[in-house]
């Protein structure tokens, strides 16, 4: 089970990552572009291209699609439902997408 402290440490160790807030959530950016945020109720939201979302949902059954209007923008999953290993892998993958 991953924790907010592990998320913070893993995200801040990635190259070029800055921590801030976005709509009251802890958020992480690279080159000014958001790739991950943690809601106050424990949802980790990760940006991914629309064409990768179905594969991510299949690999992480506890995850849900994250959309803005009709556009898929990534996935969200309760941080407590992810292993630390899966959380780090998802963070790495999301942070590399520009």
C-alpha atoms as a PDB file:
ATOM      1  CA  UNK A   1       0.000   0.000   0.000  1.00  0.00           C
ATOM      2  CA  UNK A   2       1.519   3.312  -1.110  1.00  0.00           C
ATOM      3  CA  UNK A   3       1.424   6.399   1.099  1.00  0.00           C
ATOM      4  CA  UNK A   4       1.418  10.147   0.523  1.00  0.00           C
ATOM      5  CA  UNK A   5       4.933  10.313   1.969  1.00  0.00           C
ATOM      6  CA  UNK A   6       6.169   7.706  -0.514  1.00  0.00           C
ATOM      7  CA  UNK A   7       4.447   9.571  -3.344  1.00  0.00           C
ATOM      8  CA  UNK A   8       6.142  12.810  -2.338  1.00  0.00           C
ATOM      9  CA  UNK A   9       9.571  11.182  -2.135  1.00  0.00           C
ATOM     10  CA  UNK A  10       9.221   9.287  -5.405  1.00  0.00           C
ATOM     11  CA  UNK A  11       7.890  12.292  -7.306  1.00  0.00           C
ATOM     12  CA  UNK A  12      10.527  14.699  -5.990  1.00  0.00           C
ATOM     13  CA  UNK A  13      13.339  12.323  -6.991  1.00  0.00           C
ATOM     14  CA  UNK A  14      12.276  12.449 -10.642  1.00  0.00           C
ATOM     15  CA  UNK A  15      14.303  14.774 -12.874  1.00  0.00           C
ATOM     16  CA  UNK A  16      12.927  18.296 -13.195  1.00  0.00           C
ATOM     17  CA  UNK A  17       9.914  17.754 -10.942  1.00  0.00           C
ATOM     18  CA  UNK A  18       8.447  20.623  -8.977  1.00  0.00           C
ATOM     19  CA  UNK A  19       5.840  20.263  -6.264  1.00  0.00           C
ATOM     20  CA  UNK A  20       3.008  22.737  -5.900  1.00  0.00           C
ATOM     21  CA  UNK A  21      -0.755  22.848  -5.621  1.00  0.00           C
ATOM     22  CA  UNK A  22      -3.561  22.715  -8.134  1.00  0.00           C
ATOM     23  CA  UNK A  23      -7.120  23.437  -6.981  1.00  0.00           C
ATOM     24  CA  UNK A  24      -6.032  22.701  -3.405  1.00  0.00           C
ATOM     25  CA  UNK A  25      -4.389  19.375  -4.269  1.00  0.00           C
ATOM     26  CA  UNK A  26      -0.724  18.496  -4.000  1.00  0.00           C
ATOM     27  CA  UNK A  27       0.461  18.525  -7.600  1.00  0.00           C
ATOM     28  CA  UNK A  28       3.653  17.636  -9.450  1.00  0.00           C
ATOM     29  CA  UNK A  29       4.893  19.196 -12.673  1.00  0.00           C
ATOM     30  CA  UNK A  30       7.784  18.852 -15.114  1.00  0.00           C
ATOM     31  CA  UNK A  31       8.611  21.866 -17.267  1.00  0.00           C
ATOM     32  CA  UNK A  32       5.426  23.518 -15.997  1.00  0.00           C
ATOM     33  CA  UNK A  33       3.163  20.674 -17.126  1.00  0.00           C
ATOM     34  CA  UNK A  34       1.184  18.762 -14.533  1.00  0.00           C
ATOM     35  CA  UNK A  35       1.483  15.007 -14.543  1.00  0.00           C
ATOM     36  CA  UNK A  36       0.262  13.911 -11.099  1.00  0.00           C
ATOM     37  CA  UNK A  37      -1.867  15.194  -8.253  1.00  0.00           C
ATOM     38  CA  UNK A  38      -3.205  13.804  -5.000  1.00  0.00           C
ATOM     39  CA  UNK A  39      -6.717  14.732  -3.928  1.00  0.00           C
ATOM     40  CA  UNK A  40      -7.521  15.414  -0.298  1.00  0.00           C
ATOM     41  CA  UNK A  41      -9.487  12.161  -0.168  1.00  0.00           C
ATOM     42  CA  UNK A  42      -6.571  10.036  -1.396  1.00  0.00           C
ATOM     43  CA  UNK A  43      -7.013   9.713  -5.162  1.00  0.00           C
ATOM     44  CA  UNK A  44      -3.819   9.783  -7.212  1.00  0.00           C
ATOM     45  CA  UNK A  45      -4.575  11.409 -10.565  1.00  0.00           C
ATOM     46  CA  UNK A  46      -2.108  10.797 -13.390  1.00  0.00           C
ATOM     47  CA  UNK A  47      -2.007  12.296 -16.885  1.00  0.00           C
ATOM     48  CA  UNK A  48      -1.698   9.906 -19.813  1.00  0.00           C
ATOM     49  CA  UNK A  49      -2.507  10.121 -23.517  1.00  0.00           C
ATOM     50  CA  UNK A  50      -6.011   8.902 -24.407  1.00  0.00           C
ATOM     51  CA  UNK A  51      -4.663   5.994 -26.460  1.00  0.00           C
ATOM     52  CA  UNK A  52      -2.943   4.485 -23.382  1.00  0.00           C
ATOM     53  CA  UNK A  53      -5.798   4.723 -20.880  1.00  0.00           C
ATOM     54  CA  UNK A  54      -7.509   1.414 -21.748  1.00  0.00           C
ATOM     55  CA  UNK A  55      -4.257  -0.518 -21.316  1.00  0.00           C
ATOM     56  CA  UNK A  56      -3.597   1.193 -17.982  1.00  0.00           C
ATOM     57  CA  UNK A  57      -7.109   0.386 -16.769  1.00  0.00           C
ATOM     58  CA  UNK A  58      -6.625  -3.262 -17.728  1.00  0.00           C
ATOM     59  CA  UNK A  59      -3.297  -3.388 -15.878  1.00  0.00           C
ATOM     60  CA  UNK A  60      -4.689  -1.585 -12.803  1.00  0.00           C
ATOM     61  CA  UNK A  61      -8.264  -2.814 -12.185  1.00  0.00           C
ATOM     62  CA  UNK A  62      -8.768  -0.449  -9.230  1.00  0.00           C
ATOM     63  CA  UNK A  63      -8.120   2.568 -11.481  1.00  0.00           C
ATOM     64  CA  UNK A  64     -10.744   4.713 -13.173  1.00  0.00           C
ATOM     65  CA  UNK A  65     -10.558   6.795 -16.313  1.00  0.00           C
ATOM     66  CA  UNK A  66      -9.962  10.495 -15.722  1.00  0.00           C
ATOM     67  CA  UNK A  67     -11.708  12.786 -18.188  1.00  0.00           C
ATOM     68  CA  UNK A  68     -12.193  16.450 -18.872  1.00  0.00           C
ATOM     69  CA  UNK A  69     -15.487  16.742 -20.705  1.00  0.00           C
ATOM     70  CA  UNK A  70     -15.461  14.075 -23.409  1.00  0.00           C
ATOM     71  CA  UNK A  71     -11.662  13.884 -23.506  1.00  0.00           C
ATOM     72  CA  UNK A  72      -9.755  11.190 -21.650  1.00  0.00           C
ATOM     73  CA  UNK A  73      -6.772  12.766 -19.876  1.00  0.00           C
ATOM     74  CA  UNK A  74      -5.471   9.885 -17.759  1.00  0.00           C
ATOM     75  CA  UNK A  75      -6.365   7.692 -14.828  1.00  0.00           C
ATOM     76  CA  UNK A  76      -7.082   8.003 -11.143  1.00  0.00           C
ATOM     77  CA  UNK A  77      -6.674   5.401  -8.449  1.00  0.00           C
ATOM     78  CA  UNK A  78      -6.839   5.445  -4.682  1.00  0.00           C
ATOM     79  CA  UNK A  79      -3.251   5.728  -3.508  1.00  0.00           C
ATOM     80  CA  UNK A  80      -3.928   3.174  -0.761  1.00  0.00           C
ATOM     81  CA  UNK A  81      -4.867   0.585  -3.412  1.00  0.00           C
ATOM     82  CA  UNK A  82      -1.495   0.807  -5.191  1.00  0.00           C
ATOM     83  CA  UNK A  83       1.655  -1.006  -4.228  1.00  0.00           C
ATOM     84  CA  UNK A  84       4.648   1.266  -3.821  1.00  0.00           C
ATOM     85  CA  UNK A  85       6.208  -0.374  -6.880  1.00  0.00           C
ATOM     86  CA  UNK A  86       3.161   0.282  -9.061  1.00  0.00           C
ATOM     87  CA  UNK A  87       2.903   3.869  -7.817  1.00  0.00           C
ATOM     88  CA  UNK A  88       6.533   4.581  -8.724  1.00  0.00           C
ATOM     89  CA  UNK A  89       6.141   2.974 -12.158  1.00  0.00           C
ATOM     90  CA  UNK A  90       3.014   5.014 -12.921  1.00  0.00           C
ATOM     91  CA  UNK A  91       4.685   8.227 -11.728  1.00  0.00           C
ATOM     92  CA  UNK A  92       7.721   7.593 -13.921  1.00  0.00           C
ATOM     93  CA  UNK A  93       5.578   6.853 -16.962  1.00  0.00           C
ATOM     94  CA  UNK A  94       3.333   9.871 -16.465  1.00  0.00           C
ATOM     95  CA  UNK A  95       6.213  12.283 -15.828  1.00  0.00           C
ATOM     96  CA  UNK A  96       7.854  11.418 -19.161  1.00  0.00           C
ATOM     97  CA  UNK A  97       4.792  12.389 -21.217  1.00  0.00           C
ATOM     98  CA  UNK A  98       4.990  15.891 -22.620  1.00  0.00           C
END
